[in-house]
Amino acid sequence: MTVQDTAVSASSLTVQERRELLRTMHLIRSFEEAILRDYHADKAPAWDIGAGLIPGEMHLSAGQEPVAAGICAHLTRDDAVTATHRPHHMAIAHGMDLDRLAAEIFGRETGLGKGRGGHMHLFDPDTHFSCSGIIAEGYPPALGQAFAFQRRQTDRIAVAVTGEGAANQGAFHESLNLAALWKLPVVFVVEDNDWGISVPRAASTAIASNADRAAAYGMPGIRVEGNDVEAIHAAAAEAVARARSGDGPTLLEIHTLRLWGHFEGDAQGYRPELSTVNEHDPIPAYQARLVADGVLSDEDAAALKEEAVARVDAAIGFAKNSPTPQPEEALRYVFVEGA
């Protein structure tokens, strides 16, 4: 296992690359803040998870933006990404259409799945993106995608993302074994946000780092500490290059942060560090770093945020103004028609 050093005195990234990382993180956070606002807007006075503009469960990724920005900076739209039940950051960083993403979350006909899938079941052929609420479900499909890319002799790769709790699932180990055996072009990513719902990782996982498990399958294992987008970017660069060159898979475990609850409505009484969690918000920290390094001014930083908010507001407006599915067509696009 390698622990990626986050104490880098001088960045190897260009000014534009560093700005783009911050731009991506601002866009993700602005989207999550907008969903948070509209999700809670009409669920009072009595909490009803089935009520409102956005019914159902909601898992938001605030705090995990560095993972998506750092990894997806190396991907093209032709690469495949399979994500978790907390998928928005990866979807946005991978270039998913923001209007169609918002419309799907709001259950509208203009959404990715015609409003039938909701936020945990995003499928986008244009960016080869998928996700599911099933734990570790994205690993086996990523192998299928990687196998197809390999057979076609392309340099396309698959990136499979899961949480640290899912590393104890059989699908995790089976996928690592087969990917290593066939030298598939896949990058496995474990987002370690310390909590599997309400269970701390120490109570469920026998080892301190899932990156150690890579050695059992003959692949590199790297753990990145500090939720540092540039360190994540550097680790992902090596893993992606290895996959594209035909040298096989890599396992990246990234210690990140879940700023908000496991789901919206989660009281988070199990978190002893809850009162100080906002002090570790990665976006203000990275923005301050870029300002200190002369990469951008305070005015530039504010403009990036305003740009992100404007893009998100337009997407939310598109979603709210889109039609909802008619009740008599509720099963359309769900089952195969006209066999």
C-alpha atoms as a PDB file:
ATOM      1  CA  MET A   1       0.000   0.000   0.000  1.00  0.00           C
ATOM      2  CA  THR A   2       1.119   3.546  -0.737  1.00  0.00           C
ATOM      3  CA  VAL A   3      -0.233   6.477   1.225  1.00  0.00           C
ATOM      4  CA  GLN A   4      -0.295   9.415  -1.158  1.00  0.00           C
ATOM      5  CA  ASP A   5       1.592  12.390   0.255  1.00  0.00           C
ATOM      6  CA  THR A   6      -0.718  15.387   0.435  1.00  0.00           C
ATOM      7  CA  ALA A   7       1.910  17.779   1.762  1.00  0.00           C
ATOM      8  CA  VAL A   8       3.098  18.937  -1.659  1.00  0.00           C
ATOM      9  CA  SER A   9       4.938  22.234  -1.555  1.00  0.00           C
ATOM     10  CA  ALA A  10       4.507  23.070  -5.249  1.00  0.00           C
ATOM     11  CA  SER A  11       1.763  21.764  -7.501  1.00  0.00           C
ATOM     12  CA  SER A  12       2.676  20.048 -10.771  1.00  0.00           C
ATOM     13  CA  LEU A  13      -0.664  21.110 -12.232  1.00  0.00           C
ATOM     14  CA  THR A  14      -1.087  24.102 -14.505  1.00  0.00           C
ATOM     15  CA  VAL A  15      -2.987  27.182 -13.402  1.00  0.00           C
ATOM     16  CA  GLN A  16      -5.873  26.231 -15.683  1.00  0.00           C
ATOM     17  CA  GLU A  17      -6.004  22.677 -14.355  1.00  0.00           C
ATOM     18  CA  ARG A  18      -6.172  23.893 -10.780  1.00  0.00           C
ATOM     19  CA  ARG A  19      -8.904  26.375 -11.635  1.00  0.00           C
ATOM     20  CA  GLU A  20     -10.889  23.624 -13.354  1.00  0.00           C
ATOM     21  CA  LEU A  21     -10.696  21.410 -10.296  1.00  0.00           C
ATOM     22  CA  LEU A  22     -12.172  24.195  -8.178  1.00  0.00           C
ATOM     23  CA  ARG A  23     -14.762  24.982 -10.856  1.00  0.00           C
ATOM     24  CA  THR A  24     -15.932  21.366 -10.852  1.00  0.00           C
ATOM     25  CA  MET A  25     -16.142  21.246  -7.061  1.00  0.00           C
ATOM     26  CA  HIS A  26     -18.161  24.473  -6.959  1.00  0.00           C
ATOM     27  CA  LEU A  27     -20.574  23.131  -9.579  1.00  0.00           C
ATOM     28  CA  ILE A  28     -21.124  19.928  -7.624  1.00  0.00           C
ATOM     29  CA  ARG A  29     -21.659  21.739  -4.324  1.00  0.00           C
ATOM     30  CA  SER A  30     -24.009  24.275  -5.880  1.00  0.00           C
ATOM     31  CA  PHE A  31     -26.093  21.439  -7.312  1.00  0.00           C
ATOM     32  CA  GLU A  32     -26.241  19.577  -4.005  1.00  0.00           C
ATOM     33  CA  GLU A  33     -27.204  22.750  -2.141  1.00  0.00           C
ATOM     34  CA  ALA A  34     -30.017  23.361  -4.620  1.00  0.00           C
ATOM     35  CA  ILE A  35     -31.321  19.789  -4.304  1.00  0.00           C
ATOM     36  CA  LEU A  36     -31.068  20.055  -0.516  1.00  0.00           C
ATOM     37  CA  ARG A  37     -33.143  23.236  -0.561  1.00  0.00           C
ATOM     38  CA  ASP A  38     -35.904  21.894  -2.780  1.00  0.00           C
ATOM     39  CA  TYR A  39     -35.955  18.479  -1.165  1.00  0.00           C
ATOM     40  CA  HIS A  40     -36.747  19.966   2.245  1.00  0.00           C
ATOM     41  CA  ALA A  41     -38.900  22.868   1.054  1.00  0.00           C
ATOM     42  CA  ASP A  42     -42.251  21.075   1.174  1.00  0.00           C
ATOM     43  CA  LYS A  43     -41.792  18.248   3.673  1.00  0.00           C
ATOM     44  CA  ALA A  44     -42.916  20.250   6.704  1.00  0.00           C
ATOM     45  CA  PRO A  45     -44.482  20.523   9.229  1.00  0.00           C
ATOM     46  CA  ALA A  46     -44.532  16.717   9.561  1.00  0.00           C
ATOM     47  CA  TRP A  47     -41.632  14.913   7.895  1.00  0.00           C
ATOM     48  CA  ASP A  48     -42.945  12.812   5.031  1.00  0.00           C
ATOM     49  CA  ILE A  49     -40.282  11.210   2.855  1.00  0.00           C
ATOM     50  CA  GLY A  50     -42.847  10.585   0.128  1.00  0.00           C
ATOM     51  CA  ALA A  51     -44.062  14.172  -0.086  1.00  0.00           C
ATOM     52  CA  GLY A  52     -42.998  17.171  -2.080  1.00  0.00           C
ATOM     53  CA  LEU A  53     -41.298  18.048  -5.341  1.00  0.00           C
ATOM     54  CA  ILE A  54     -38.620  15.406  -4.750  1.00  0.00           C
ATOM     55  CA  PRO A  55     -40.150  12.364  -3.042  1.00  0.00           C
ATOM     56  CA  GLY A  56     -38.150   9.402  -1.793  1.00  0.00           C
ATOM     57  CA  GLU A  57     -34.724   9.076  -0.202  1.00  0.00           C
ATOM     58  CA  MET A  58     -31.952  11.521  -0.979  1.00  0.00           C
ATOM     59  CA  HIS A  59     -28.204  10.934  -0.509  1.00  0.00           C
ATOM     60  CA  LEU A  60     -26.060  14.005  -1.156  1.00  0.00           C
ATOM     61  CA  SER A  61     -22.324  14.137  -1.714  1.00  0.00           C
ATOM     62  CA  ALA A  62     -21.283  17.422  -0.095  1.00  0.00           C
ATOM     63  CA  GLY A  63     -17.704  16.991   1.124  1.00  0.00           C
ATOM     64  CA  GLN A  64     -16.801  14.307  -1.420  1.00  0.00           C
ATOM     65  CA  GLU A  65     -16.320  16.691  -4.345  1.00  0.00           C
ATOM     66  CA  PRO A  66     -12.509  16.250  -4.436  1.00  0.00           C
ATOM     67  CA  VAL A  67     -12.908  12.560  -5.291  1.00  0.00           C
ATOM     68  CA  ALA A  68     -15.034  13.231  -8.347  1.00  0.00           C
ATOM     69  CA  ALA A  69     -13.068  16.247  -9.549  1.00  0.00           C
ATOM     70  CA  GLY A  70      -9.679  14.596  -9.133  1.00  0.00           C
ATOM     71  CA  ILE A  71     -10.595  11.343 -10.850  1.00  0.00           C
ATOM     72  CA  CYS A  72     -12.876  12.518 -13.638  1.00  0.00           C
ATOM     73  CA  ALA A  73     -10.340  15.124 -14.784  1.00  0.00           C
ATOM     74  CA  HIS A  74      -8.533  12.188 -16.448  1.00  0.00           C
ATOM     75  CA  LEU A  75     -11.581  10.671 -18.137  1.00  0.00           C
ATOM     76  CA  THR A  76     -13.307  11.212 -21.453  1.00  0.00           C
ATOM     77  CA  ARG A  77     -16.997  10.839 -22.150  1.00  0.00           C
ATOM     78  CA  ASP A  78     -16.171   7.505 -23.786  1.00  0.00           C
ATOM     79  CA  ASP A  79     -14.908   6.077 -20.500  1.00  0.00           C
ATOM     80  CA  ALA A  80     -17.440   4.329 -18.272  1.00  0.00           C
ATOM     81  CA  VAL A  81     -18.246   5.202 -14.661  1.00  0.00           C
ATOM     82  CA  THR A  82     -20.320   3.128 -12.249  1.00  0.00           C
ATOM     83  CA  ALA A  83     -21.191   4.966  -9.043  1.00  0.00           C
ATOM     84  CA  THR A  84     -22.952   4.422  -5.735  1.00  0.00           C
ATOM     85  CA  HIS A  85     -26.288   5.452  -4.230  1.00  0.00           C
ATOM     86  CA  ARG A  86     -24.553   8.816  -3.555  1.00  0.00           C
ATOM     87  CA  PRO A  87     -23.818   9.568  -7.202  1.00  0.00           C
ATOM     88  CA  HIS A  88     -24.321  13.219  -8.123  1.00  0.00           C
ATOM     89  CA  HIS A  89     -20.708  14.347  -7.692  1.00  0.00           C
ATOM     90  CA  MET A  90     -19.387  11.628  -9.982  1.00  0.00           C
ATOM     91  CA  ALA A  91     -22.141  12.217 -12.556  1.00  0.00           C
ATOM     92  CA  ILE A  92     -21.505  15.951 -12.744  1.00  0.00           C
ATOM     93  CA  ALA A  93     -17.719  15.640 -12.842  1.00  0.00           C
ATOM     94  CA  HIS A  94     -18.025  13.068 -15.647  1.00  0.00           C
ATOM     95  CA  GLY A  95     -19.960  15.553 -17.754  1.00  0.00           C
ATOM     96  CA  MET A  96     -23.562  14.438 -17.397  1.00  0.00           C
ATOM     97  CA  ASP A  97     -26.099  16.917 -18.767  1.00  0.00           C
ATOM     98  CA  LEU A  98     -27.156  19.003 -15.778  1.00  0.00           C
ATOM     99  CA  ASP A  99     -30.672  19.671 -17.069  1.00  0.00           C
ATOM    100  CA  ARG A 100     -31.482  15.997 -17.604  1.00  0.00           C
ATOM    101  CA  LEU A 101     -29.899  15.064 -14.267  1.00  0.00           C
ATOM    102  CA  ALA A 102     -32.030  17.597 -12.392  1.00  0.00           C
ATOM    103  CA  ALA A 103     -35.156  16.564 -14.285  1.00  0.00           C
ATOM    104  CA  GLU A 104     -34.621  12.915 -13.367  1.00  0.00           C
ATOM    105  CA  ILE A 105     -34.259  13.783  -9.691  1.00  0.00           C
ATOM    106  CA  PHE A 106     -37.495  15.786  -9.862  1.00  0.00           C
ATOM    107  CA  GLY A 107     -39.239  12.848 -11.592  1.00  0.00           C
ATOM    108  CA  ARG A 108     -39.890  14.627 -14.899  1.00  0.00           C
ATOM    109  CA  GLU A 109     -40.308  13.279 -18.426  1.00  0.00           C
ATOM    110  CA  THR A 110     -37.228  15.154 -19.632  1.00  0.00           C
ATOM    111  CA  GLY A 111     -35.023  13.271 -17.176  1.00  0.00           C
ATOM    112  CA  LEU A 112     -32.403  10.669 -18.005  1.00  0.00           C
ATOM    113  CA  GLY A 113     -34.871   7.855 -17.313  1.00  0.00           C
ATOM    114  CA  LYS A 114     -38.044   9.788 -18.129  1.00  0.00           C
ATOM    115  CA  GLY A 115     -38.373  10.463 -14.397  1.00  0.00           C
ATOM    116  CA  ARG A 116     -38.784   6.777 -13.542  1.00  0.00           C
ATOM    117  CA  GLY A 117     -35.418   6.083 -11.894  1.00  0.00           C
ATOM    118  CA  GLY A 118     -34.818   8.937  -9.502  1.00  0.00           C
ATOM    119  CA  HIS A 119     -31.519   9.993  -8.034  1.00  0.00           C
ATOM    120  CA  MET A 120     -30.168   6.516  -7.142  1.00  0.00           C
ATOM    121  CA  HIS A 121     -30.758   5.025 -10.589  1.00  0.00           C
ATOM    122  CA  LEU A 122     -29.104   7.351 -13.071  1.00  0.00           C
ATOM    123  CA  PHE A 123     -28.318   5.822 -16.460  1.00  0.00           C
ATOM    124  CA  ASP A 124     -26.748   7.944 -19.173  1.00  0.00           C
ATOM    125  CA  PRO A 125     -25.536   6.318 -22.406  1.00  0.00           C
ATOM    126  CA  ASP A 126     -24.025   9.631 -23.534  1.00  0.00           C
ATOM    127  CA  THR A 127     -21.439   9.514 -20.734  1.00  0.00           C
ATOM    128  CA  HIS A 128     -21.537   5.750 -20.058  1.00  0.00           C
ATOM    129  CA  PHE A 129     -22.636   6.446 -16.491  1.00  0.00           C
ATOM    130  CA  SER A 130     -24.719   4.265 -14.201  1.00  0.00           C
ATOM    131  CA  CYS A 131     -25.408   3.846 -10.509  1.00  0.00           C
ATOM    132  CA  SER A 132     -27.619   1.910  -8.116  1.00  0.00           C
ATOM    133  CA  GLY A 133     -28.745   1.736  -4.522  1.00  0.00           C
ATOM    134  CA  ILE A 134     -27.372  -1.802  -4.158  1.00  0.00           C
ATOM    135  CA  ILE A 135     -24.101  -1.995  -2.210  1.00  0.00           C
ATOM    136  CA  ALA A 136     -21.047  -2.771  -4.386  1.00  0.00           C
ATOM    137  CA  GLU A 137     -23.298  -3.262  -7.424  1.00  0.00           C
ATOM    138  CA  GLY A 138     -21.140  -1.143  -9.709  1.00  0.00           C
ATOM    139  CA  TYR A 139     -18.045  -3.313  -9.578  1.00  0.00           C
ATOM    140  CA  PRO A 140     -19.207  -6.325 -11.666  1.00  0.00           C
ATOM    141  CA  PRO A 141     -20.797  -4.185 -14.438  1.00  0.00           C
ATOM    142  CA  ALA A 142     -17.573  -2.190 -14.666  1.00  0.00           C
ATOM    143  CA  LEU A 143     -15.764  -5.443 -15.430  1.00  0.00           C
ATOM    144  CA  GLY A 144     -18.140  -6.095 -18.309  1.00  0.00           C
ATOM    145  CA  GLN A 145     -17.518  -2.634 -19.712  1.00  0.00           C
ATOM    146  CA  ALA A 146     -13.753  -2.968 -19.283  1.00  0.00           C
ATOM    147  CA  PHE A 147     -13.824  -6.403 -20.932  1.00  0.00           C
ATOM    148  CA  ALA A 148     -15.665  -4.966 -23.930  1.00  0.00           C
ATOM    149  CA  PHE A 149     -13.167  -2.122 -24.218  1.00  0.00           C
ATOM    150  CA  GLN A 150     -10.291  -4.597 -24.054  1.00  0.00           C
ATOM    151  CA  ARG A 151     -11.791  -6.926 -26.673  1.00  0.00           C
ATOM    152  CA  ARG A 152     -12.312  -3.986 -29.027  1.00  0.00           C
ATOM    153  CA  GLN A 153      -8.670  -2.998 -28.545  1.00  0.00           C
ATOM    154  CA  THR A 154      -9.525   0.552 -27.497  1.00  0.00           C
ATOM    155  CA  ASP A 155      -7.861   2.658 -24.803  1.00  0.00           C
ATOM    156  CA  ARG A 156     -11.190   3.263 -23.039  1.00  0.00           C
ATOM    157  CA  ILE A 157     -11.405   2.374 -19.353  1.00  0.00           C
ATOM    158  CA  ALA A 158     -14.008   1.796 -16.658  1.00  0.00           C
ATOM    159  CA  VAL A 159     -14.020   3.419 -13.238  1.00  0.00           C
ATOM    160  CA  ALA A 160     -15.967   1.626 -10.503  1.00  0.00           C
ATOM    161  CA  VAL A 161     -16.777   3.569  -7.333  1.00  0.00           C
ATOM    162  CA  THR A 162     -18.064   2.255  -4.030  1.00  0.00           C
ATOM    163  CA  GLY A 163     -17.950   3.102  -0.344  1.00  0.00           C
ATOM    164  CA  GLU A 164     -15.633   1.645   2.289  1.00  0.00           C
ATOM    165  CA  GLY A 165     -18.393  -0.502   3.741  1.00  0.00           C
ATOM    166  CA  ALA A 166     -18.932  -2.199   0.391  1.00  0.00           C
ATOM    167  CA  ALA A 167     -15.334  -3.457   0.421  1.00  0.00           C
ATOM    168  CA  ASN A 168     -16.595  -6.241   2.698  1.00  0.00           C
ATOM    169  CA  GLN A 169     -19.035  -7.496   0.051  1.00  0.00           C
ATOM    170  CA  GLY A 170     -18.338 -10.548  -2.057  1.00  0.00           C
ATOM    171  CA  ALA A 171     -18.788  -8.574  -5.276  1.00  0.00           C
ATOM    172  CA  PHE A 172     -15.834  -6.390  -4.308  1.00  0.00           C
ATOM    173  CA  HIS A 173     -13.425  -9.311  -3.938  1.00  0.00           C
ATOM    174  CA  GLU A 174     -14.744 -11.244  -6.920  1.00  0.00           C
ATOM    175  CA  SER A 175     -14.361  -8.177  -9.120  1.00  0.00           C
ATOM    176  CA  LEU A 176     -10.810  -7.428  -8.036  1.00  0.00           C
ATOM    177  CA  ASN A 177      -9.804 -11.028  -8.633  1.00  0.00           C
ATOM    178  CA  LEU A 178     -11.240 -11.256 -12.141  1.00  0.00           C
ATOM    179  CA  ALA A 179      -9.980  -7.810 -13.177  1.00  0.00           C
ATOM    180  CA  ALA A 180      -6.451  -8.738 -12.118  1.00  0.00           C
ATOM    181  CA  LEU A 181      -6.638 -12.172 -13.735  1.00  0.00           C
ATOM    182  CA  TRP A 182      -7.672 -10.722 -17.099  1.00  0.00           C
ATOM    183  CA  LYS A 183      -5.707  -7.445 -16.733  1.00  0.00           C
ATOM    184  CA  LEU A 184      -8.848  -5.452 -17.414  1.00  0.00           C
ATOM    185  CA  PRO A 185      -8.658  -1.670 -17.934  1.00  0.00           C
ATOM    186  CA  VAL A 186     -10.500  -0.677 -14.768  1.00  0.00           C
ATOM    187  CA  VAL A 187      -9.816   1.617 -11.833  1.00  0.00           C
ATOM    188  CA  PHE A 188     -11.487   0.603  -8.583  1.00  0.00           C
ATOM    189  CA  VAL A 189     -12.266   3.500  -6.243  1.00  0.00           C
ATOM    190  CA  VAL A 190     -13.274   3.213  -2.595  1.00  0.00           C
ATOM    191  CA  GLU A 191     -14.672   6.387  -1.053  1.00  0.00           C
ATOM    192  CA  ASP A 192     -13.912   6.152   2.659  1.00  0.00           C
ATOM    193  CA  ASN A 193     -16.109   8.746   4.359  1.00  0.00           C
ATOM    194  CA  ASP A 194     -15.737   6.970   7.742  1.00  0.00           C
ATOM    195  CA  TRP A 195     -19.376   5.904   7.990  1.00  0.00           C
ATOM    196  CA  GLY A 196     -21.289   2.986   6.483  1.00  0.00           C
ATOM    197  CA  ILE A 197     -24.679   4.604   7.115  1.00  0.00           C
ATOM    198  CA  SER A 198     -24.229   4.915  10.912  1.00  0.00           C
ATOM    199  CA  VAL A 199     -21.512   2.293  11.421  1.00  0.00           C
ATOM    200  CA  PRO A 200     -17.907   3.478  11.827  1.00  0.00           C
ATOM    201  CA  ARG A 201     -15.463   1.630   9.610  1.00  0.00           C
ATOM    202  CA  ALA A 202     -13.517   0.306  12.621  1.00  0.00           C
ATOM    203  CA  ALA A 203     -16.629  -1.578  13.711  1.00  0.00           C
ATOM    204  CA  SER A 204     -17.085  -3.324  10.382  1.00  0.00           C
ATOM    205  CA  THR A 205     -13.676  -3.664   8.725  1.00  0.00           C
ATOM    206  CA  ALA A 206     -10.749  -5.646  10.134  1.00  0.00           C
ATOM    207  CA  ILE A 207      -8.010  -3.534   8.532  1.00  0.00           C
ATOM    208  CA  ALA A 208      -7.297   0.178   8.594  1.00  0.00           C
ATOM    209  CA  SER A 209      -6.965   0.559   4.830  1.00  0.00           C
ATOM    210  CA  ASN A 210      -8.790  -1.264   2.075  1.00  0.00           C
ATOM    211  CA  ALA A 211      -5.874  -0.384  -0.199  1.00  0.00           C
ATOM    212  CA  ASP A 212      -3.960  -3.174   1.573  1.00  0.00           C
ATOM    213  CA  ARG A 213      -6.369  -5.670   0.034  1.00  0.00           C
ATOM    214  CA  ALA A 214      -5.068  -4.916  -3.459  1.00  0.00           C
ATOM    215  CA  ALA A 215      -1.892  -6.914  -2.796  1.00  0.00           C
ATOM    216  CA  ALA A 216      -3.922 -10.110  -2.477  1.00  0.00           C
ATOM    217  CA  TYR A 217      -5.010  -9.677  -6.101  1.00  0.00           C
ATOM    218  CA  GLY A 218      -1.673  -8.587  -7.549  1.00  0.00           C
ATOM    219  CA  MET A 219      -2.556  -4.980  -8.263  1.00  0.00           C
ATOM    220  CA  PRO A 220      -1.338  -1.630  -6.891  1.00  0.00           C
ATOM    221  CA  GLY A 221      -3.246  -0.296  -3.904  1.00  0.00           C
ATOM    222  CA  ILE A 222      -3.044   3.390  -3.009  1.00  0.00           C
ATOM    223  CA  ARG A 223      -4.729   5.191  -0.143  1.00  0.00           C
ATOM    224  CA  VAL A 224      -5.027   8.959  -0.434  1.00  0.00           C
ATOM    225  CA  GLU A 225      -5.394  10.869   2.814  1.00  0.00           C
ATOM    226  CA  GLY A 226      -6.582  14.399   3.491  1.00  0.00           C
ATOM    227  CA  ASN A 227      -9.453  14.747   0.959  1.00  0.00           C
ATOM    228  CA  ASP A 228      -6.937  16.724  -1.117  1.00  0.00           C
ATOM    229  CA  VAL A 229      -8.097  17.140  -4.716  1.00  0.00           C
ATOM    230  CA  GLU A 230      -4.579  17.523  -6.100  1.00  0.00           C
ATOM    231  CA  ALA A 231      -3.325  14.401  -4.346  1.00  0.00           C
ATOM    232  CA  ILE A 232      -6.363  12.526  -5.667  1.00  0.00           C
ATOM    233  CA  HIS A 233      -5.657  13.900  -9.137  1.00  0.00           C
ATOM    234  CA  ALA A 234      -2.058  12.640  -8.966  1.00  0.00           C
ATOM    235  CA  ALA A 235      -3.019   9.162  -7.757  1.00  0.00           C
ATOM    236  CA  ALA A 236      -5.763   8.883 -10.374  1.00  0.00           C
ATOM    237  CA  ALA A 237      -3.334   9.909 -13.122  1.00  0.00           C
ATOM    238  CA  GLU A 238      -1.165   6.862 -12.395  1.00  0.00           C
ATOM    239  CA  ALA A 239      -4.124   4.496 -12.135  1.00  0.00           C
ATOM    240  CA  VAL A 240      -5.787   5.725 -15.323  1.00  0.00           C
ATOM    241  CA  ALA A 241      -2.524   5.608 -17.273  1.00  0.00           C
ATOM    242  CA  ARG A 242      -1.919   2.042 -16.085  1.00  0.00           C
ATOM    243  CA  ALA A 243      -5.397   0.969 -17.198  1.00  0.00           C
ATOM    244  CA  ARG A 244      -5.159   2.679 -20.593  1.00  0.00           C
ATOM    245  CA  SER A 245      -1.768   1.153 -21.332  1.00  0.00           C
ATOM    246  CA  GLY A 246      -3.045  -2.396 -20.798  1.00  0.00           C
ATOM    247  CA  ASP A 247      -1.244  -2.996 -17.503  1.00  0.00           C
ATOM    248  CA  GLY A 248      -4.433  -3.822 -15.599  1.00  0.00           C
ATOM    249  CA  PRO A 249      -6.402  -2.514 -12.640  1.00  0.00           C
ATOM    250  CA  THR A 250      -5.559  -0.344  -9.629  1.00  0.00           C
ATOM    251  CA  LEU A 251      -7.367   0.037  -6.323  1.00  0.00           C
ATOM    252  CA  LEU A 252      -7.595   3.598  -4.986  1.00  0.00           C
ATOM    253  CA  GLU A 253      -8.991   4.232  -1.523  1.00  0.00           C
ATOM    254  CA  ILE A 254      -9.647   7.898  -0.854  1.00  0.00           C
ATOM    255  CA  HIS A 255     -10.262   9.187   2.640  1.00  0.00           C
ATOM    256  CA  THR A 256     -12.953  11.772   2.081  1.00  0.00           C
ATOM    257  CA  LEU A 257     -15.705  13.451   4.107  1.00  0.00           C
ATOM    258  CA  ARG A 258     -19.468  13.283   4.299  1.00  0.00           C
ATOM    259  CA  LEU A 259     -20.521  16.748   5.427  1.00  0.00           C
ATOM    260  CA  TRP A 260     -24.229  15.939   5.656  1.00  0.00           C
ATOM    261  CA  GLY A 261     -26.240  12.904   6.730  1.00  0.00           C
ATOM    262  CA  HIS A 262     -26.275   9.481   5.162  1.00  0.00           C
ATOM    263  CA  PHE A 263     -29.661  10.537   3.809  1.00  0.00           C
ATOM    264  CA  GLU A 264     -31.662  13.722   4.146  1.00  0.00           C
ATOM    265  CA  GLY A 265     -33.551  13.470   7.405  1.00  0.00           C
ATOM    266  CA  ASP A 266     -30.687  11.635   9.127  1.00  0.00           C
ATOM    267  CA  ALA A 267     -30.307  13.151  12.627  1.00  0.00           C
ATOM    268  CA  GLN A 268     -26.678  11.917  12.735  1.00  0.00           C
ATOM    269  CA  GLY A 269     -26.731  11.326  16.482  1.00  0.00           C
ATOM    270  CA  TYR A 270     -24.104   8.623  15.961  1.00  0.00           C
ATOM    271  CA  ARG A 271     -21.444  11.165  14.901  1.00  0.00           C
ATOM    272  CA  PRO A 272     -19.341  12.460  17.813  1.00  0.00           C
ATOM    273  CA  GLU A 273     -17.461  14.833  15.495  1.00  0.00           C
ATOM    274  CA  LEU A 274     -20.562  16.441  14.009  1.00  0.00           C
ATOM    275  CA  SER A 275     -20.034  19.852  15.641  1.00  0.00           C
ATOM    276  CA  THR A 276     -16.655  20.285  13.935  1.00  0.00           C
ATOM    277  CA  VAL A 277     -17.234  18.589  10.587  1.00  0.00           C
ATOM    278  CA  ASN A 278     -17.719  21.851   8.672  1.00  0.00           C
ATOM    279  CA  GLU A 279     -14.221  22.929   9.650  1.00  0.00           C
ATOM    280  CA  HIS A 280     -12.928  20.289   7.234  1.00  0.00           C
ATOM    281  CA  ASP A 281     -14.975  21.417   4.223  1.00  0.00           C
ATOM    282  CA  PRO A 282     -12.609  20.818   1.254  1.00  0.00           C
ATOM    283  CA  ILE A 283     -13.880  23.614  -0.983  1.00  0.00           C
ATOM    284  CA  PRO A 284     -13.014  26.672   1.156  1.00  0.00           C
ATOM    285  CA  ALA A 285      -9.694  25.014   1.986  1.00  0.00           C
ATOM    286  CA  TYR A 286      -8.751  24.479  -1.653  1.00  0.00           C
ATOM    287  CA  GLN A 287      -9.995  27.892  -2.691  1.00  0.00           C
ATOM    288  CA  ALA A 288      -7.865  29.528   0.008  1.00  0.00           C
ATOM    289  CA  ARG A 289      -4.894  27.495  -1.194  1.00  0.00           C
ATOM    290  CA  LEU A 290      -5.315  28.715  -4.753  1.00  0.00           C
ATOM    291  CA  VAL A 291      -5.663  32.308  -3.631  1.00  0.00           C
ATOM    292  CA  ALA A 292      -2.531  31.993  -1.491  1.00  0.00           C
ATOM    293  CA  ASP A 293      -0.653  30.509  -4.456  1.00  0.00           C
ATOM    294  CA  GLY A 294      -1.703  33.377  -6.713  1.00  0.00           C
ATOM    295  CA  VAL A 295      -3.704  31.097  -8.976  1.00  0.00           C
ATOM    296  CA  LEU A 296      -6.820  33.229  -8.614  1.00  0.00           C
ATOM    297  CA  SER A 297      -8.018  36.258  -6.713  1.00  0.00           C
ATOM    298  CA  ASP A 298     -10.895  36.452  -4.255  1.00  0.00           C
ATOM    299  CA  GLU A 299     -12.909  38.043  -7.063  1.00  0.00           C
ATOM    300  CA  ASP A 300     -12.064  35.166  -9.411  1.00  0.00           C
ATOM    301  CA  ALA A 301     -13.137  32.657  -6.769  1.00  0.00           C
ATOM    302  CA  ALA A 302     -16.434  34.459  -6.236  1.00  0.00           C
ATOM    303  CA  ALA A 303     -17.014  34.486  -9.999  1.00  0.00           C
ATOM    304  CA  LEU A 304     -16.491  30.713 -10.197  1.00  0.00           C
ATOM    305  CA  LYS A 305     -19.106  30.212  -7.502  1.00  0.00           C
ATOM    306  CA  GLU A 306     -21.548  32.592  -9.180  1.00  0.00           C
ATOM    307  CA  GLU A 307     -21.071  30.795 -12.491  1.00  0.00           C
ATOM    308  CA  ALA A 308     -21.822  27.466 -10.828  1.00  0.00           C
ATOM    309  CA  VAL A 309     -24.945  28.788  -9.115  1.00  0.00           C
ATOM    310  CA  ALA A 310     -26.235  30.225 -12.397  1.00  0.00           C
ATOM    311  CA  ARG A 311     -25.740  26.911 -14.219  1.00  0.00           C
ATOM    312  CA  VAL A 312     -27.480  25.000 -11.444  1.00  0.00           C
ATOM    313  CA  ASP A 313     -30.361  27.468 -11.198  1.00  0.00           C
ATOM    314  CA  ALA A 314     -30.975  27.050 -14.929  1.00  0.00           C
ATOM    315  CA  ALA A 315     -31.004  23.252 -14.558  1.00  0.00           C
ATOM    316  CA  ILE A 316     -33.397  23.360 -11.619  1.00  0.00           C
ATOM    317  CA  GLY A 317     -35.656  25.723 -13.554  1.00  0.00           C
ATOM    318  CA  PHE A 318     -35.619  23.341 -16.515  1.00  0.00           C
ATOM    319  CA  ALA A 319     -36.592  20.457 -14.234  1.00  0.00           C
ATOM    320  CA  LYS A 320     -39.435  22.298 -12.520  1.00  0.00           C
ATOM    321  CA  ASN A 321     -40.854  23.446 -15.845  1.00  0.00           C
ATOM    322  CA  SER A 322     -40.755  19.962 -17.367  1.00  0.00           C
ATOM    323  CA  PRO A 323     -43.864  17.737 -17.467  1.00  0.00           C
ATOM    324  CA  THR A 324     -44.440  14.950 -14.993  1.00  0.00           C
ATOM    325  CA  PRO A 325     -45.279  11.436 -16.251  1.00  0.00           C
ATOM    326  CA  GLN A 326     -48.974  10.779 -16.676  1.00  0.00           C
ATOM    327  CA  PRO A 327     -50.368   8.166 -14.243  1.00  0.00           C
ATOM    328  CA  GLU A 328     -51.605   5.973 -17.092  1.00  0.00           C
ATOM    329  CA  GLU A 329     -48.060   5.841 -18.481  1.00  0.00           C
ATOM    330  CA  ALA A 330     -46.341   5.050 -15.201  1.00  0.00           C
ATOM    331  CA  LEU A 331     -45.054   1.686 -16.454  1.00  0.00           C
ATOM    332  CA  ARG A 332     -43.725   2.955 -19.779  1.00  0.00           C
ATOM    333  CA  TYR A 333     -39.929   2.679 -20.125  1.00  0.00           C
ATOM    334  CA  VAL A 334     -39.905   0.352 -17.094  1.00  0.00           C
ATOM    335  CA  PHE A 335     -40.659  -2.939 -18.874  1.00  0.00           C
ATOM    336  CA  VAL A 336     -39.840  -4.071 -22.398  1.00  0.00           C
ATOM    337  CA  GLU A 337     -42.651  -3.191 -24.785  1.00  0.00           C
ATOM    338  CA  GLY A 338     -43.763  -5.041 -27.907  1.00  0.00           C
ATOM    339  CA  ALA A 339     -41.613  -8.166 -27.468  1.00  0.00           C
END
